[in-house]
Amino acid sequence: MNIFQPYIEKSDKQDIRDRDERKSQRNHNTLILVIGLAFLGFLIVFLKDDKELLYKIIIAIISFVGGFGIGRTNLKKED
C-alpha cells in the first residue's frame, strides 16, 4: 500500500465536493436568471401602457445589476 493513498483518497473526495458545489452554484445562477427574466417579462406585459414608468423601472434594474456586478468583480479581485 502506498503511503500517499489516504491523501489521494481525501483529495478525490474534495474534488467531488468541489464539483458538486460548482454545479449547485450554476443551478442557482440559472434559477435567478430565469426568475429575473420572468419578472422583466411581467413588467413589460403589464406596464406596456405606462412606458415612462416602465423605462424608469428598467433603468433602475439595470443600474442595480451593474452595481452588483462591479461589486462582485471587485470582491473577487481582492481574494
PDB file of N, CA and C in Angstrom:
ATOM      1  N   MET A   1       0.845  -1.182   0.000  1.00  0.00           N
ATOM      2  CA  MET A   1       0.000   0.000   0.000  1.00  0.00           C
ATOM      3  C   MET A   1       0.893   1.249   0.000  1.00  0.00           C
ATOM      4  N   ASN A   2       0.495   2.163  -0.773  1.00  0.00           N
ATOM      5  CA  ASN A   2       1.223   3.414  -0.929  1.00  0.00           C
ATOM      6  C   ASN A   2       0.983   4.308   0.297  1.00  0.00           C
ATOM      7  N   ILE A   3       2.010   4.977   0.772  1.00  0.00           N
ATOM      8  CA  ILE A   3       1.851   5.843   1.945  1.00  0.00           C
ATOM      9  C   ILE A   3       1.037   7.099   1.620  1.00  0.00           C
ATOM     10  N   PHE A   4       0.914   7.396   0.349  1.00  0.00           N
ATOM     11  CA  PHE A   4       0.167   8.582  -0.062  1.00  0.00           C
ATOM     12  C   PHE A   4      -1.296   8.267  -0.365  1.00  0.00           C
ATOM     13  N   GLN A   5      -1.675   7.018  -0.302  1.00  0.00           N
ATOM     14  CA  GLN A   5      -3.033   6.598  -0.653  1.00  0.00           C
ATOM     15  C   GLN A   5      -4.112   7.336   0.152  1.00  0.00           C
ATOM     16  N   PRO A   6      -3.999   7.490   1.463  1.00  0.00           N
ATOM     17  CA  PRO A   6      -5.045   8.222   2.208  1.00  0.00           C
ATOM     18  C   PRO A   6      -5.176   9.679   1.748  1.00  0.00           C
ATOM     19  N   TYR A   7      -4.063  10.299   1.409  1.00  0.00           N
ATOM     20  CA  TYR A   7      -4.107  11.689   0.944  1.00  0.00           C
ATOM     21  C   TYR A   7      -4.766  11.788  -0.424  1.00  0.00           C
ATOM     22  N   ILE A   8      -4.495  10.823  -1.272  1.00  0.00           N
ATOM     23  CA  ILE A   8      -5.098  10.803  -2.604  1.00  0.00           C
ATOM     24  C   ILE A   8      -6.605  10.607  -2.486  1.00  0.00           C
ATOM     25  N   GLU A   9      -7.036   9.710  -1.612  1.00  0.00           N
ATOM     26  CA  GLU A   9      -8.466   9.475  -1.429  1.00  0.00           C
ATOM     27  C   GLU A   9      -9.164  10.719  -0.889  1.00  0.00           C
ATOM     28  N   LYS A  10      -8.532  11.405   0.062  1.00  0.00           N
ATOM     29  CA  LYS A  10      -9.113  12.640   0.596  1.00  0.00           C
ATOM     30  C   LYS A  10      -9.191  13.707  -0.484  1.00  0.00           C
ATOM     31  N   SER A  11      -8.172  13.767  -1.317  1.00  0.00           N
ATOM     32  CA  SER A  11      -8.156  14.735  -2.408  1.00  0.00           C
ATOM     33  C   SER A  11      -9.266  14.435  -3.407  1.00  0.00           C
ATOM     34  N   ASP A  12      -9.474  13.166  -3.713  1.00  0.00           N
ATOM     35  CA  ASP A  12     -10.543  12.786  -4.632  1.00  0.00           C
ATOM     36  C   ASP A  12     -11.906  13.177  -4.076  1.00  0.00           C
ATOM     37  N   LYS A  13     -12.113  12.949  -2.793  1.00  0.00           N
ATOM     38  CA  LYS A  13     -13.385  13.319  -2.167  1.00  0.00           C
ATOM     39  C   LYS A  13     -13.582  14.832  -2.193  1.00  0.00           C
ATOM     40  N   GLN A  14     -12.511  15.581  -1.984  1.00  0.00           N
ATOM     41  CA  GLN A  14     -12.596  17.042  -2.032  1.00  0.00           C
ATOM     42  C   GLN A  14     -12.926  17.511  -3.446  1.00  0.00           C
ATOM     43  N   ASP A  15     -12.341  16.873  -4.448  1.00  0.00           N
ATOM     44  CA  ASP A  15     -12.647  17.218  -5.837  1.00  0.00           C
ATOM     45  C   ASP A  15     -14.119  16.982  -6.145  1.00  0.00           C
ATOM     46  N   ILE A  16     -14.661  15.892  -5.655  1.00  0.00           N
ATOM     47  CA  ILE A  16     -16.079  15.589  -5.874  1.00  0.00           C
ATOM     48  C   ILE A  16     -16.952  16.644  -5.198  1.00  0.00           C
ATOM     49  N   ARG A  17     -16.613  17.033  -3.979  1.00  0.00           N
ATOM     50  CA  ARG A  17     -17.374  18.076  -3.284  1.00  0.00           C
ATOM     51  C   ARG A  17     -17.280  19.408  -4.028  1.00  0.00           C
ATOM     52  N   ASP A  18     -16.099  19.735  -4.546  1.00  0.00           N
ATOM     53  CA  ASP A  18     -15.927  20.981  -5.295  1.00  0.00           C
ATOM     54  C   ASP A  18     -16.781  20.985  -6.558  1.00  0.00           C
ATOM     55  N   ARG A  19     -16.801  19.862  -7.274  1.00  0.00           N
ATOM     56  CA  ARG A  19     -17.624  19.771  -8.485  1.00  0.00           C
ATOM     57  C   ARG A  19     -19.105  19.902  -8.154  1.00  0.00           C
ATOM     58  N   ASP A  20     -19.538  19.260  -7.085  1.00  0.00           N
ATOM     59  CA  ASP A  20     -20.942  19.369  -6.675  1.00  0.00           C
ATOM     60  C   ASP A  20     -21.295  20.803  -6.298  1.00  0.00           C
ATOM     61  N   GLU A  21     -20.369  21.485  -5.633  1.00  0.00           N
ATOM     62  CA  GLU A  21     -20.608  22.874  -5.242  1.00  0.00           C
ATOM     63  C   GLU A  21     -20.709  23.780  -6.472  1.00  0.00           C
ATOM     64  N   ARG A  22     -19.836  23.586  -7.443  1.00  0.00           N
ATOM     65  CA  ARG A  22     -19.893  24.387  -8.674  1.00  0.00           C
ATOM     66  C   ARG A  22     -21.191  24.129  -9.428  1.00  0.00           C
ATOM     67  N   LYS A  23     -21.623  22.877  -9.479  1.00  0.00           N
ATOM     68  CA  LYS A  23     -22.871  22.534 -10.161  1.00  0.00           C
ATOM     69  C   LYS A  23     -24.053  23.197  -9.460  1.00  0.00           C
ATOM     70  N   SER A  24     -24.047  23.168  -8.144  1.00  0.00           N
ATOM     71  CA  SER A  24     -25.107  23.802  -7.371  1.00  0.00           C
ATOM     72  C   SER A  24     -25.125  25.310  -7.617  1.00  0.00           C
ATOM     73  N   GLN A  25     -23.955  25.923  -7.687  1.00  0.00           N
ATOM     74  CA  GLN A  25     -23.865  27.362  -7.939  1.00  0.00           C
ATOM     75  C   GLN A  25     -24.392  27.705  -9.327  1.00  0.00           C
ATOM     76  N   ARG A  26     -24.074  26.886 -10.326  1.00  0.00           N
ATOM     77  CA  ARG A  26     -24.585  27.121 -11.680  1.00  0.00           C
ATOM     78  C   ARG A  26     -26.106  27.005 -11.704  1.00  0.00           C
ATOM     79  N   ASN A  27     -26.647  26.009 -11.017  1.00  0.00           N
ATOM     80  CA  ASN A  27     -28.098  25.850 -10.962  1.00  0.00           C
ATOM     81  C   ASN A  27     -28.748  27.050 -10.280  1.00  0.00           C
ATOM     82  N   HIS A  28     -28.128  27.542  -9.232  1.00  0.00           N
ATOM     83  CA  HIS A  28     -28.640  28.708  -8.514  1.00  0.00           C
ATOM     84  C   HIS A  28     -28.628  29.935  -9.426  1.00  0.00           C
ATOM     85  N   ASN A  29     -27.544  30.149 -10.143  1.00  0.00           N
ATOM     86  CA  ASN A  29     -27.447  31.293 -11.053  1.00  0.00           C
ATOM     87  C   ASN A  29     -28.478  31.191 -12.170  1.00  0.00           C
ATOM     88  N   THR A  30     -28.690  29.992 -12.695  1.00  0.00           N
ATOM     89  CA  THR A  30     -29.680  29.794 -13.754  1.00  0.00           C
ATOM     90  C   THR A  30     -31.078  30.101 -13.238  1.00  0.00           C
ATOM     91  N   LEU A  31     -31.392  29.653 -12.042  1.00  0.00           N
ATOM     92  CA  LEU A  31     -32.701  29.920 -11.452  1.00  0.00           C
ATOM     93  C   LEU A  31     -32.921  31.418 -11.267  1.00  0.00           C
ATOM     94  N   ILE A  32     -31.923  32.123 -10.783  1.00  0.00           N
ATOM     95  CA  ILE A  32     -32.041  33.574 -10.599  1.00  0.00           C
ATOM     96  C   ILE A  32     -32.246  34.268 -11.943  1.00  0.00           C
ATOM     97  N   LEU A  33     -31.531  33.825 -12.970  1.00  0.00           N
ATOM     98  CA  LEU A  33     -31.682  34.409 -14.300  1.00  0.00           C
ATOM     99  C   LEU A  33     -33.096  34.197 -14.836  1.00  0.00           C
ATOM    100  N   VAL A  34     -33.625  32.998 -14.698  1.00  0.00           N
ATOM    101  CA  VAL A  34     -34.971  32.697 -15.189  1.00  0.00           C
ATOM    102  C   VAL A  34     -36.010  33.523 -14.439  1.00  0.00           C
ATOM    103  N   ILE A  35     -35.878  33.626 -13.129  1.00  0.00           N
ATOM    104  CA  ILE A  35     -36.821  34.430 -12.342  1.00  0.00           C
ATOM    105  C   ILE A  35     -36.733  35.900 -12.746  1.00  0.00           C
ATOM    106  N   GLY A  36     -35.518  36.395 -12.944  1.00  0.00           N
ATOM    107  CA  GLY A  36     -35.339  37.784 -13.367  1.00  0.00           C
ATOM    108  C   GLY A  36     -35.953  38.064 -14.726  1.00  0.00           C
ATOM    109  N   LEU A  37     -35.759  37.155 -15.670  1.00  0.00           N
ATOM    110  CA  LEU A  37     -36.347  37.334 -16.996  1.00  0.00           C
ATOM    111  C   LEU A  37     -37.870  37.248 -16.948  1.00  0.00           C
ATOM    112  N   ALA A  38     -38.403  36.350 -16.129  1.00  0.00           N
ATOM    113  CA  ALA A  38     -39.856  36.248 -15.978  1.00  0.00           C
ATOM    114  C   ALA A  38     -40.421  37.540 -15.382  1.00  0.00           C
ATOM    115  N   PHE A  39     -39.726  38.097 -14.397  1.00  0.00           N
ATOM    116  CA  PHE A  39     -40.164  39.353 -13.791  1.00  0.00           C
ATOM    117  C   PHE A  39     -40.118  40.492 -14.806  1.00  0.00           C
ATOM    118  N   LEU A  40     -39.064  40.531 -15.601  1.00  0.00           N
ATOM    119  CA  LEU A  40     -38.951  41.561 -16.634  1.00  0.00           C
ATOM    120  C   LEU A  40     -40.069  41.417 -17.660  1.00  0.00           C
ATOM    121  N   GLY A  41     -40.354  40.189 -18.071  1.00  0.00           N
ATOM    122  CA  GLY A  41     -41.466  39.947 -18.994  1.00  0.00           C
ATOM    123  C   GLY A  41     -42.789  40.378 -18.390  1.00  0.00           C
ATOM    124  N   PHE A  42     -42.985  40.083 -17.111  1.00  0.00           N
ATOM    125  CA  PHE A  42     -44.194  40.506 -16.403  1.00  0.00           C
ATOM    126  C   PHE A  42     -44.332  42.024 -16.433  1.00  0.00           C
ATOM    127  N   LEU A  43     -43.243  42.727 -16.148  1.00  0.00           N
ATOM    128  CA  LEU A  43     -43.280  44.192 -16.164  1.00  0.00           C
ATOM    129  C   LEU A  43     -43.625  44.730 -17.544  1.00  0.00           C
ATOM    130  N   ILE A  44     -43.019  44.154 -18.565  1.00  0.00           N
ATOM    131  CA  ILE A  44     -43.255  44.634 -19.928  1.00  0.00           C
ATOM    132  C   ILE A  44     -44.708  44.426 -20.328  1.00  0.00           C
ATOM    133  N   VAL A  45     -45.266  43.279 -19.989  1.00  0.00           N
ATOM    134  CA  VAL A  45     -46.653  42.985 -20.367  1.00  0.00           C
ATOM    135  C   VAL A  45     -47.635  43.890 -19.627  1.00  0.00           C
ATOM    136  N   PHE A  46     -47.446  44.062 -18.336  1.00  0.00           N
ATOM    137  CA  PHE A  46     -48.429  44.801 -17.554  1.00  0.00           C
ATOM    138  C   PHE A  46     -48.189  46.305 -17.497  1.00  0.00           C
ATOM    139  N   LEU A  47     -47.027  46.757 -17.911  1.00  0.00           N
ATOM    140  CA  LEU A  47     -46.772  48.199 -17.929  1.00  0.00           C
ATOM    141  C   LEU A  47     -46.586  48.727 -19.346  1.00  0.00           C
ATOM    142  N   LYS A  48     -47.106  48.007 -20.331  1.00  0.00           N
ATOM    143  CA  LYS A  48     -46.912  48.443 -21.717  1.00  0.00           C
ATOM    144  C   LYS A  48     -47.610  49.770 -22.008  1.00  0.00           C
ATOM    145  N   ASP A  49     -48.658  50.096 -21.252  1.00  0.00           N
ATOM    146  CA  ASP A  49     -49.358  51.361 -21.477  1.00  0.00           C
ATOM    147  C   ASP A  49     -48.666  52.537 -20.791  1.00  0.00           C
ATOM    148  N   ASP A  50     -47.955  52.291 -19.717  1.00  0.00           N
ATOM    149  CA  ASP A  50     -47.251  53.345 -18.983  1.00  0.00           C
ATOM    150  C   ASP A  50     -45.749  53.218 -19.258  1.00  0.00           C
ATOM    151  N   LYS A  51     -45.359  53.642 -20.457  1.00  0.00           N
ATOM    152  CA  LYS A  51     -43.980  53.441 -20.904  1.00  0.00           C
ATOM    153  C   LYS A  51     -42.961  54.206 -20.059  1.00  0.00           C
ATOM    154  N   GLU A  52     -43.320  55.376 -19.578  1.00  0.00           N
ATOM    155  CA  GLU A  52     -42.365  56.159 -18.790  1.00  0.00           C
ATOM    156  C   GLU A  52     -42.013  55.439 -17.481  1.00  0.00           C
ATOM    157  N   LEU A  53     -43.017  54.893 -16.808  1.00  0.00           N
ATOM    158  CA  LEU A  53     -42.759  54.133 -15.583  1.00  0.00           C
ATOM    159  C   LEU A  53     -41.959  52.873 -15.893  1.00  0.00           C
ATOM    160  N   LEU A  54     -42.289  52.214 -16.999  1.00  0.00           N
ATOM    161  CA  LEU A  54     -41.569  51.007 -17.407  1.00  0.00           C
ATOM    162  C   LEU A  54     -40.093  51.323 -17.647  1.00  0.00           C
ATOM    163  N   TYR A  55     -39.804  52.420 -18.336  1.00  0.00           N
ATOM    164  CA  TYR A  55     -38.411  52.809 -18.592  1.00  0.00           C
ATOM    165  C   TYR A  55     -37.664  53.082 -17.286  1.00  0.00           C
ATOM    166  N   LYS A  56     -38.314  53.767 -16.353  1.00  0.00           N
ATOM    167  CA  LYS A  56     -37.664  54.064 -15.070  1.00  0.00           C
ATOM    168  C   LYS A  56     -37.351  52.780 -14.299  1.00  0.00           C
ATOM    169  N   ILE A  57     -38.288  51.835 -14.317  1.00  0.00           N
ATOM    170  CA  ILE A  57     -38.059  50.570 -13.612  1.00  0.00           C
ATOM    171  C   ILE A  57     -36.935  49.787 -14.270  1.00  0.00           C
ATOM    172  N   ILE A  58     -36.926  49.742 -15.598  1.00  0.00           N
ATOM    173  CA  ILE A  58     -35.872  49.010 -16.311  1.00  0.00           C
ATOM    174  C   ILE A  58     -34.512  49.650 -16.055  1.00  0.00           C
ATOM    175  N   ILE A  59     -34.438  50.968 -16.059  1.00  0.00           N
ATOM    176  CA  ILE A  59     -33.177  51.663 -15.777  1.00  0.00           C
ATOM    177  C   ILE A  59     -32.711  51.357 -14.350  1.00  0.00           C
ATOM    178  N   ALA A  60     -33.639  51.326 -13.398  1.00  0.00           N
ATOM    179  CA  ALA A  60     -33.276  51.005 -12.013  1.00  0.00           C
ATOM    180  C   ALA A  60     -32.745  49.574 -11.908  1.00  0.00           C
ATOM    181  N   ILE A  61     -33.373  48.646 -12.609  1.00  0.00           N
ATOM    182  CA  ILE A  61     -32.924  47.248 -12.581  1.00  0.00           C
ATOM    183  C   ILE A  61     -31.535  47.126 -13.196  1.00  0.00           C
ATOM    184  N   ILE A  62     -31.321  47.769 -14.333  1.00  0.00           N
ATOM    185  CA  ILE A  62     -30.012  47.715 -14.997  1.00  0.00           C
ATOM    186  C   ILE A  62     -28.938  48.338 -14.103  1.00  0.00           C
ATOM    187  N   SER A  63     -29.262  49.443 -13.446  1.00  0.00           N
ATOM    188  CA  SER A  63     -28.300  50.084 -12.540  1.00  0.00           C
ATOM    189  C   SER A  63     -27.950  49.170 -11.376  1.00  0.00           C
ATOM    190  N   PHE A  64     -28.958  48.507 -10.818  1.00  0.00           N
ATOM    191  CA  PHE A  64     -28.709  47.584  -9.707  1.00  0.00           C
ATOM    192  C   PHE A  64     -27.822  46.430 -10.145  1.00  0.00           C
ATOM    193  N   VAL A  65     -28.143  45.832 -11.282  1.00  0.00           N
ATOM    194  CA  VAL A  65     -27.362  44.689 -11.770  1.00  0.00           C
ATOM    195  C   VAL A  65     -25.930  45.122 -12.084  1.00  0.00           C
ATOM    196  N   GLY A  66     -25.765  46.292 -12.683  1.00  0.00           N
ATOM    197  CA  GLY A  66     -24.425  46.787 -12.982  1.00  0.00           C
ATOM    198  C   GLY A  66     -23.617  47.038 -11.724  1.00  0.00           C
ATOM    199  N   GLY A  67     -24.223  47.668 -10.744  1.00  0.00           N
ATOM    200  CA  GLY A  67     -23.531  47.913  -9.478  1.00  0.00           C
ATOM    201  C   GLY A  67     -23.201  46.623  -8.755  1.00  0.00           C
ATOM    202  N   PHE A  68     -24.112  45.677  -8.808  1.00  0.00           N
ATOM    203  CA  PHE A  68     -23.868  44.374  -8.187  1.00  0.00           C
ATOM    204  C   PHE A  68     -22.707  43.669  -8.871  1.00  0.00           C
ATOM    205  N   GLY A  69     -22.669  43.736 -10.192  1.00  0.00           N
ATOM    206  CA  GLY A  69     -21.586  43.095 -10.945  1.00  0.00           C
ATOM    207  C   GLY A  69     -20.235  43.714 -10.652  1.00  0.00           C
ATOM    208  N   ILE A  70     -20.198  45.033 -10.556  1.00  0.00           N
ATOM    209  CA  ILE A  70     -18.938  45.717 -10.244  1.00  0.00           C
ATOM    210  C   ILE A  70     -18.476  45.348  -8.836  1.00  0.00           C
ATOM    211  N   GLY A  71     -19.397  45.348  -7.889  1.00  0.00           N
ATOM    212  CA  GLY A  71     -19.041  44.974  -6.521  1.00  0.00           C
ATOM    213  C   GLY A  71     -18.555  43.538  -6.427  1.00  0.00           C
ATOM    214  N   ARG A  72     -19.200  42.662  -7.147  1.00  0.00           N
ATOM    215  CA  ARG A  72     -18.801  41.247  -7.124  1.00  0.00           C
ATOM    216  C   ARG A  72     -17.432  41.058  -7.773  1.00  0.00           C
ATOM    217  N   THR A  73     -17.177  41.792  -8.855  1.00  0.00           N
ATOM    218  CA  THR A  73     -15.877  41.706  -9.520  1.00  0.00           C
ATOM    219  C   THR A  73     -14.769  42.214  -8.605  1.00  0.00           C
ATOM    220  N   ASN A  74     -15.010  43.334  -7.940  1.00  0.00           N
ATOM    221  CA  ASN A  74     -14.007  43.875  -7.015  1.00  0.00           C
ATOM    222  C   ASN A  74     -13.758  42.926  -5.852  1.00  0.00           C
ATOM    223  N   LEU A  75     -14.791  42.260  -5.383  1.00  0.00           N
ATOM    224  CA  LEU A  75     -14.631  41.300  -4.293  1.00  0.00           C
ATOM    225  C   LEU A  75     -13.769  40.120  -4.730  1.00  0.00           C
ATOM    226  N   LYS A  76     -13.975  39.652  -5.958  1.00  0.00           N
ATOM    227  CA  LYS A  76     -13.173  38.536  -6.465  1.00  0.00           C
ATOM    228  C   LYS A  76     -11.715  38.945  -6.651  1.00  0.00           C
ATOM    229  N   LYS A  77     -11.472  40.193  -7.052  1.00  0.00           N
ATOM    230  CA  LYS A  77     -10.100  40.666  -7.235  1.00  0.00           C
ATOM    231  C   LYS A  77      -9.350  40.699  -5.908  1.00  0.00           C
ATOM    232  N   GLU A  78     -10.048  41.026  -4.820  1.00  0.00           N
ATOM    233  CA  GLU A  78      -9.411  41.091  -3.506  1.00  0.00           C
ATOM    234  C   GLU A  78      -9.032  39.711  -2.999  1.00  0.00           C
ATOM    235  N   ASP A  79      -9.774  38.684  -3.408  1.00  0.00           N
ATOM    236  CA  ASP A  79      -9.463  37.312  -2.972  1.00  0.00           C
ATOM    237  C   ASP A  79      -8.252  36.844  -3.706  1.00  0.00           C
TER     238      ASP A  79
END
